[in-house]
Amino acid sequence: MSERRRGAERKGRRSEAIAAWYLRLHGWRVLDRRVRCARGEVDLIVRRWRTVAFVEVKWRRDMADLGQAIDAFRLRRVVGAAEALAPRYLRQGDTVRVDVLLLAPGRWPRHIVNASMA
């Protein structure tokens, strides 16, 4: 693995840790992290009451770049992975959604709820 790739991996893990902390502060319980399947990967799977959210975490150096951090292609991959993984995490009567958490240094995280519907 190249040094650049290792650096990106470290940033990704740190961003996911910050996102998990932020979500826990807002009442979510982290069920799993970095779950892969044939249809893609989900960064965080969280639960609050009867809602399970599959969360894509994106970090950029500044807020302006975050607008392009998640596009339709990436979102479709997360939705596909969520569909494949949902039976593992859902209980009868649960609702499911795909969220995006955008992070940039010196800014509060931007939580896009139900991003797959936006």
C-alpha atoms as a PDB file:
ATOM      1  CA  MET A   1       0.000   0.000   0.000  1.00  0.00           C
ATOM      2  CA  SER A   2       1.362   3.417  -0.946  1.00  0.00           C
ATOM      3  CA  GLU A   3       2.065   6.114   1.636  1.00  0.00           C
ATOM      4  CA  ARG A   4      -0.678   8.268   0.101  1.00  0.00           C
ATOM      5  CA  ARG A   5      -3.191   5.432   0.441  1.00  0.00           C
ATOM      6  CA  ARG A   6      -2.116   4.787   4.054  1.00  0.00           C
ATOM      7  CA  GLY A   7      -2.644   8.478   4.829  1.00  0.00           C
ATOM      8  CA  ALA A   8      -6.111   8.396   3.282  1.00  0.00           C
ATOM      9  CA  GLU A   9      -6.895   5.272   5.298  1.00  0.00           C
ATOM     10  CA  ARG A  10      -5.829   6.989   8.548  1.00  0.00           C
ATOM     11  CA  LYS A  11      -7.938  10.070   7.737  1.00  0.00           C
ATOM     12  CA  GLY A  12     -10.898   7.857   6.934  1.00  0.00           C
ATOM     13  CA  ARG A  13     -10.646   5.972  10.207  1.00  0.00           C
ATOM     14  CA  ARG A  14     -10.234   9.201  12.176  1.00  0.00           C
ATOM     15  CA  SER A  15     -13.240  10.743  10.419  1.00  0.00           C
ATOM     16  CA  GLU A  16     -15.347   7.687  11.173  1.00  0.00           C
ATOM     17  CA  ALA A  17     -14.310   7.848  14.835  1.00  0.00           C
ATOM     18  CA  ILE A  18     -15.347  11.532  14.985  1.00  0.00           C
ATOM     19  CA  ALA A  19     -18.629  10.706  13.238  1.00  0.00           C
ATOM     20  CA  ALA A  20     -19.338   7.862  15.686  1.00  0.00           C
ATOM     21  CA  TRP A  21     -18.648  10.206  18.616  1.00  0.00           C
ATOM     22  CA  TYR A  22     -20.959  12.868  17.136  1.00  0.00           C
ATOM     23  CA  LEU A  23     -23.760  10.358  16.558  1.00  0.00           C
ATOM     24  CA  ARG A  24     -23.408   8.911  20.068  1.00  0.00           C
ATOM     25  CA  LEU A  25     -23.771  12.436  21.470  1.00  0.00           C
ATOM     26  CA  HIS A  26     -27.050  12.634  19.560  1.00  0.00           C
ATOM     27  CA  GLY A  27     -28.429   9.428  21.033  1.00  0.00           C
ATOM     28  CA  TRP A  28     -27.320   6.862  18.455  1.00  0.00           C
ATOM     29  CA  ARG A  29     -25.726   3.536  19.346  1.00  0.00           C
ATOM     30  CA  VAL A  30     -23.017   2.307  16.982  1.00  0.00           C
ATOM     31  CA  LEU A  31     -23.803  -1.231  15.848  1.00  0.00           C
ATOM     32  CA  ASP A  32     -20.930  -1.690  13.423  1.00  0.00           C
ATOM     33  CA  ARG A  33     -18.160   0.081  11.505  1.00  0.00           C
ATOM     34  CA  ARG A  34     -16.721  -0.391   8.037  1.00  0.00           C
ATOM     35  CA  VAL A  35     -18.971  -3.229   6.944  1.00  0.00           C
ATOM     36  CA  ARG A  36     -18.293  -4.569   3.466  1.00  0.00           C
ATOM     37  CA  CYS A  37     -20.380  -6.737   1.222  1.00  0.00           C
ATOM     38  CA  ALA A  38     -20.488  -7.535  -2.488  1.00  0.00           C
ATOM     39  CA  ARG A  39     -22.561  -4.403  -3.191  1.00  0.00           C
ATOM     40  CA  GLY A  40     -20.320  -1.915  -1.382  1.00  0.00           C
ATOM     41  CA  GLU A  41     -19.273  -0.659   2.027  1.00  0.00           C
ATOM     42  CA  VAL A  42     -21.037   1.175   4.828  1.00  0.00           C
ATOM     43  CA  ASP A  43     -18.906   3.323   7.144  1.00  0.00           C
ATOM     44  CA  LEU A  44     -21.189   3.240  10.205  1.00  0.00           C
ATOM     45  CA  ILE A  45     -24.355   1.391  11.116  1.00  0.00           C
ATOM     46  CA  VAL A  46     -26.177   3.047  13.992  1.00  0.00           C
ATOM     47  CA  ARG A  47     -29.451   2.612  15.887  1.00  0.00           C
ATOM     48  CA  ARG A  48     -31.668   5.007  17.807  1.00  0.00           C
ATOM     49  CA  TRP A  49     -34.910   3.592  19.109  1.00  0.00           C
ATOM     50  CA  ARG A  50     -36.587   1.846  16.153  1.00  0.00           C
ATOM     51  CA  THR A  51     -34.465   3.459  13.439  1.00  0.00           C
ATOM     52  CA  VAL A  52     -31.364   1.916  11.911  1.00  0.00           C
ATOM     53  CA  ALA A  53     -29.223   4.285   9.834  1.00  0.00           C
ATOM     54  CA  PHE A  54     -26.512   3.264   7.405  1.00  0.00           C
ATOM     55  CA  VAL A  55     -24.125   6.218   7.451  1.00  0.00           C
ATOM     56  CA  GLU A  56     -21.619   7.320   4.815  1.00  0.00           C
ATOM     57  CA  VAL A  57     -18.908   9.543   6.308  1.00  0.00           C
ATOM     58  CA  LYS A  58     -17.038  12.062   4.148  1.00  0.00           C
ATOM     59  CA  TRP A  59     -14.155  14.299   5.212  1.00  0.00           C
ATOM     60  CA  ARG A  60     -12.739  17.169   3.186  1.00  0.00           C
ATOM     61  CA  ARG A  61     -10.257  19.918   3.965  1.00  0.00           C
ATOM     62  CA  ASP A  62     -12.874  22.620   3.644  1.00  0.00           C
ATOM     63  CA  MET A  63     -16.637  22.873   3.633  1.00  0.00           C
ATOM     64  CA  ALA A  64     -16.720  24.045   0.003  1.00  0.00           C
ATOM     65  CA  ASP A  65     -15.376  20.669  -1.169  1.00  0.00           C
ATOM     66  CA  LEU A  66     -17.995  18.759   0.801  1.00  0.00           C
ATOM     67  CA  GLY A  67     -20.677  19.641  -1.733  1.00  0.00           C
ATOM     68  CA  GLN A  68     -19.000  17.279  -4.198  1.00  0.00           C
ATOM     69  CA  ALA A  69     -18.007  14.644  -1.626  1.00  0.00           C
ATOM     70  CA  ILE A  70     -21.095  12.531  -2.166  1.00  0.00           C
ATOM     71  CA  ASP A  71     -22.540  12.042  -5.626  1.00  0.00           C
ATOM     72  CA  ALA A  72     -25.313   9.858  -7.019  1.00  0.00           C
ATOM     73  CA  PHE A  73     -22.919   7.002  -7.857  1.00  0.00           C
ATOM     74  CA  ARG A  74     -21.442   6.813  -4.339  1.00  0.00           C
ATOM     75  CA  LEU A  75     -24.866   7.159  -2.765  1.00  0.00           C
ATOM     76  CA  ARG A  76     -26.244   4.298  -4.908  1.00  0.00           C
ATOM     77  CA  ARG A  77     -23.388   2.073  -3.693  1.00  0.00           C
ATOM     78  CA  VAL A  78     -24.182   2.853  -0.062  1.00  0.00           C
ATOM     79  CA  VAL A  79     -27.891   2.259  -0.651  1.00  0.00           C
ATOM     80  CA  GLY A  80     -27.115  -1.075  -2.338  1.00  0.00           C
ATOM     81  CA  ALA A  81     -24.878  -2.132   0.533  1.00  0.00           C
ATOM     82  CA  ALA A  82     -27.536  -1.038   3.049  1.00  0.00           C
ATOM     83  CA  GLU A  83     -30.158  -3.131   1.255  1.00  0.00           C
ATOM     84  CA  ALA A  84     -27.876  -6.168   1.340  1.00  0.00           C
ATOM     85  CA  LEU A  85     -26.874  -5.660   4.984  1.00  0.00           C
ATOM     86  CA  ALA A  86     -30.242  -4.603   6.436  1.00  0.00           C
ATOM     87  CA  PRO A  87     -31.459  -8.109   7.340  1.00  0.00           C
ATOM     88  CA  ARG A  88     -28.438  -8.456   9.651  1.00  0.00           C
ATOM     89  CA  TYR A  89     -29.318  -5.379  11.700  1.00  0.00           C
ATOM     90  CA  LEU A  90     -33.061  -4.793  11.454  1.00  0.00           C
ATOM     91  CA  ARG A  91     -35.668  -6.072  13.869  1.00  0.00           C
ATOM     92  CA  GLN A  92     -39.367  -6.384  13.200  1.00  0.00           C
ATOM     93  CA  GLY A  93     -40.937  -2.911  13.016  1.00  0.00           C
ATOM     94  CA  ASP A  94     -37.674  -1.004  12.498  1.00  0.00           C
ATOM     95  CA  THR A  95     -37.332   1.759   9.969  1.00  0.00           C
ATOM     96  CA  VAL A  96     -34.202   2.073   7.896  1.00  0.00           C
ATOM     97  CA  ARG A  97     -32.518   5.012   6.233  1.00  0.00           C
ATOM     98  CA  VAL A  98     -29.242   6.063   4.626  1.00  0.00           C
ATOM     99  CA  ASP A  99     -27.596   9.161   6.104  1.00  0.00           C
ATOM    100  CA  VAL A 100     -24.474  11.100   5.176  1.00  0.00           C
ATOM    101  CA  LEU A 101     -22.224  12.841   7.676  1.00  0.00           C
ATOM    102  CA  LEU A 102     -19.942  15.509   6.205  1.00  0.00           C
ATOM    103  CA  LEU A 103     -16.871  16.593   8.173  1.00  0.00           C
ATOM    104  CA  ALA A 104     -14.375  19.431   7.715  1.00  0.00           C
ATOM    105  CA  PRO A 105     -11.793  20.832  10.153  1.00  0.00           C
ATOM    106  CA  GLY A 106     -13.085  23.610  12.393  1.00  0.00           C
ATOM    107  CA  ARG A 107     -16.731  22.999  11.439  1.00  0.00           C
ATOM    108  CA  TRP A 108     -19.591  21.181  13.086  1.00  0.00           C
ATOM    109  CA  PRO A 109     -20.503  18.003  11.231  1.00  0.00           C
ATOM    110  CA  ARG A 110     -23.296  18.335   8.673  1.00  0.00           C
ATOM    111  CA  HIS A 111     -25.732  15.443   9.064  1.00  0.00           C
ATOM    112  CA  ILE A 112     -27.851  14.757   5.987  1.00  0.00           C
ATOM    113  CA  VAL A 113     -30.771  12.638   7.136  1.00  0.00           C
ATOM    114  CA  ASN A 114     -32.300  10.197   4.655  1.00  0.00           C
ATOM    115  CA  ALA A 115     -29.853  11.250   1.954  1.00  0.00           C
ATOM    116  CA  SER A 116     -31.067   8.522  -0.379  1.00  0.00           C
ATOM    117  CA  MET A 117     -34.416  10.356  -0.566  1.00  0.00           C
ATOM    118  CA  ALA A 118     -32.884  13.817  -1.138  1.00  0.00           C
END
